[in-house]
Amino acid sequence: MKITITNVLKDEVTVSGQTLSREYAENIMLPMLIAQCATVQSRKLEIVKVFAEAGLSLDAVPEAAREYAIDKSEKARLRLRQQAEHEARAECLRVATPRELAQAKADKEARAAAIREHGARVRAASRNSGW
C-alpha cells in the first residue's frame, strides 16, 4: 500500500491525490489504515511514518505512534553505534604520517633517555651511600 501525502495545509491535506479534510485524515483515515494492517508491523510503521513525516497528528493511534517512536529511536541508536564502529575501524586502519612517526620516535627516545638518566642517578646514589 503506497500512500503519498502532499499539500498539507491547516485544514486540508492531499492523500494519494484526493483532497481531504485534515481532521478526517488524522482521526478516521489513519486508524482505518492501521486497522487494515492487523498484525503486519512493517506496514503499520510505514503508514505512521508517512503521516508523521507529513506533519499530521498521530493522536488517533497512540499504540502505533509509540511503536513508531520506539522503532525510530532504535534505528537512530543503531546508526550511531555503526558510525562509532566505523570511525574506530577507520582509526585502526589509518596510516600514520611521516611527521607523526618522527614525533613518536622522538617521544620514545626521550622516554628512554629519561629512564637511562634515572638509572644512572640510582646507581650513583648507591655507590656513594657507604654500603
Protein backbone atom coordinates (compact mmCIF):
# COMPACT_ATOMS: atom_id res chain seq x y z
CA MET A 1 0.00 0.00 0.00
CA LYS A 2 1.68 3.18 -1.23
CA ILE A 3 0.42 6.36 0.41
CA THR A 4 1.61 9.79 -0.60
CA ILE A 5 0.67 12.83 1.43
CA THR A 6 1.19 16.21 -0.20
CA ASN A 7 -0.11 19.71 0.07
CA VAL A 8 -0.60 19.69 3.85
CA LEU A 9 -2.47 22.83 4.84
CA LYS A 10 -4.08 24.00 8.07
CA ASP A 11 -7.42 22.31 7.45
CA GLU A 12 -6.97 20.14 4.36
CA VAL A 13 -4.49 17.63 3.03
CA THR A 14 -3.98 15.73 -0.21
CA VAL A 15 -3.67 11.98 0.37
CA SER A 16 -2.80 9.91 -2.71
CA GLY A 17 -4.24 12.61 -4.98
CA GLN A 18 -7.50 13.10 -3.05
CA THR A 19 -8.09 16.31 -1.16
CA LEU A 20 -9.45 15.51 2.29
CA SER A 21 -10.02 17.48 5.44
CA ARG A 22 -7.12 17.27 7.83
CA GLU A 23 -9.39 16.13 10.65
CA TYR A 24 -10.73 13.25 8.55
CA ALA A 25 -7.25 12.13 7.55
CA GLU A 26 -5.95 12.23 11.13
CA ASN A 27 -8.92 10.88 13.06
CA ILE A 28 -10.64 8.48 10.65
CA MET A 29 -8.40 7.52 7.76
CA LEU A 30 -5.24 6.84 9.79
CA PRO A 31 -6.96 4.46 12.28
CA MET A 32 -8.69 2.65 9.41
CA LEU A 33 -5.42 2.16 7.56
CA ILE A 34 -3.75 0.90 10.75
CA ALA A 35 -6.68 -1.47 11.41
CA GLN A 36 -6.39 -2.91 7.89
CA CYS A 37 -2.76 -3.81 8.56
CA ALA A 38 -3.80 -6.00 11.52
CA THR A 39 -0.59 -7.65 12.71
CA VAL A 40 1.75 -6.65 9.88
CA GLN A 41 4.07 -4.43 11.91
CA SER A 42 6.14 -3.16 8.99
CA ARG A 43 3.07 -1.82 7.16
CA LYS A 44 1.83 -0.10 10.31
CA LEU A 45 5.20 1.57 10.79
CA GLU A 46 5.28 2.59 7.13
CA ILE A 47 1.85 4.24 7.32
CA VAL A 48 2.60 6.00 10.60
CA LYS A 49 5.92 7.18 9.18
CA VAL A 50 4.21 8.73 6.15
CA PHE A 51 1.69 10.54 8.35
CA ALA A 52 4.35 11.68 10.83
CA GLU A 53 6.69 12.97 8.12
CA ALA A 54 3.80 14.91 6.59
CA GLY A 55 3.29 16.64 9.94
CA LEU A 56 -0.10 15.13 10.70
CA SER A 57 -1.19 14.22 14.23
CA LEU A 58 -0.82 10.63 15.40
CA ASP A 59 -3.12 11.07 18.42
CA ALA A 60 -5.78 8.77 16.98
CA VAL A 61 -3.42 5.75 17.06
CA PRO A 62 -1.33 6.09 20.25
CA GLU A 63 -0.10 2.49 20.23
CA ALA A 64 1.12 2.67 16.64
CA ALA A 65 2.65 6.09 17.33
CA ARG A 66 4.52 4.68 20.34
CA GLU A 67 5.78 1.73 18.30
CA TYR A 68 6.91 4.14 15.57
CA ALA A 69 8.77 6.29 18.12
CA ILE A 70 10.48 3.23 19.60
CA ASP A 71 11.43 1.94 16.14
CA LYS A 72 12.74 5.37 15.15
CA SER A 73 14.88 5.66 18.31
CA GLU A 74 16.23 2.13 17.88
CA LYS A 75 17.23 2.90 14.29
CA ALA A 76 18.90 6.13 15.40
CA ARG A 77 20.78 4.28 18.15
CA LEU A 78 21.86 1.60 15.68
CA ARG A 79 23.02 4.25 13.21
CA LEU A 80 25.07 5.98 15.93
CA ARG A 81 26.63 2.68 17.04
CA GLN A 82 27.52 1.77 13.46
CA GLN A 83 29.02 5.24 12.94
CA ALA A 84 31.15 4.82 16.08
CA GLU A 85 32.29 1.37 14.94
CA HIS A 86 33.12 2.74 11.51
CA GLU A 87 35.18 5.58 13.00
CA ALA A 88 37.01 3.14 15.29
CA ARG A 89 37.82 0.86 12.34
CA ALA A 90 38.97 3.82 10.28
CA GLU A 91 41.25 4.95 13.13
CA CYS A 92 42.77 1.46 13.42
CA LEU A 93 43.41 1.30 9.68
CA ARG A 94 44.73 4.85 9.42
CA VAL A 95 48.31 5.14 8.19
CA ALA A 96 50.49 7.42 10.28
CA THR A 97 52.09 10.38 8.51
CA PRO A 98 55.88 10.76 8.44
CA ARG A 99 55.56 13.66 10.87
CA GLU A 100 53.59 11.51 13.34
CA LEU A 101 56.13 8.70 13.01
CA ALA A 102 59.00 11.12 13.66
CA GLN A 103 57.18 12.56 16.70
CA ALA A 104 56.53 9.08 18.10
CA LYS A 105 60.19 8.15 17.61
CA ALA A 106 61.34 11.35 19.35
CA ASP A 107 58.95 10.71 22.26
CA LYS A 108 60.20 7.13 22.60
CA GLU A 109 63.83 8.27 22.58
CA ALA A 110 63.07 10.98 25.16
CA ARG A 111 61.44 8.40 27.47
CA ALA A 112 64.38 6.03 27.04
CA ALA A 113 66.84 8.84 27.83
CA ALA A 114 64.88 9.77 30.97
CA ILE A 115 64.89 6.13 32.11
CA ARG A 116 68.65 5.82 31.49
CA GLU A 117 69.29 9.05 33.39
CA HIS A 118 67.18 7.88 36.32
CA GLY A 119 69.04 4.55 36.39
CA ALA A 120 72.36 6.36 36.33
CA ARG A 121 71.28 8.55 39.28
CA VAL A 122 70.17 5.50 41.25
CA ARG A 123 73.48 3.74 40.62
CA ALA A 124 75.47 6.86 41.53
CA ALA A 125 73.48 7.29 44.73
CA SER A 126 74.01 3.66 45.74
CA ARG A 127 77.80 3.97 45.19
CA ASN A 128 78.02 6.96 47.49
CA SER A 129 75.74 5.62 50.20
CA GLY A 130 78.51 3.87 52.08
CA TRP A 131 77.46 0.30 51.60
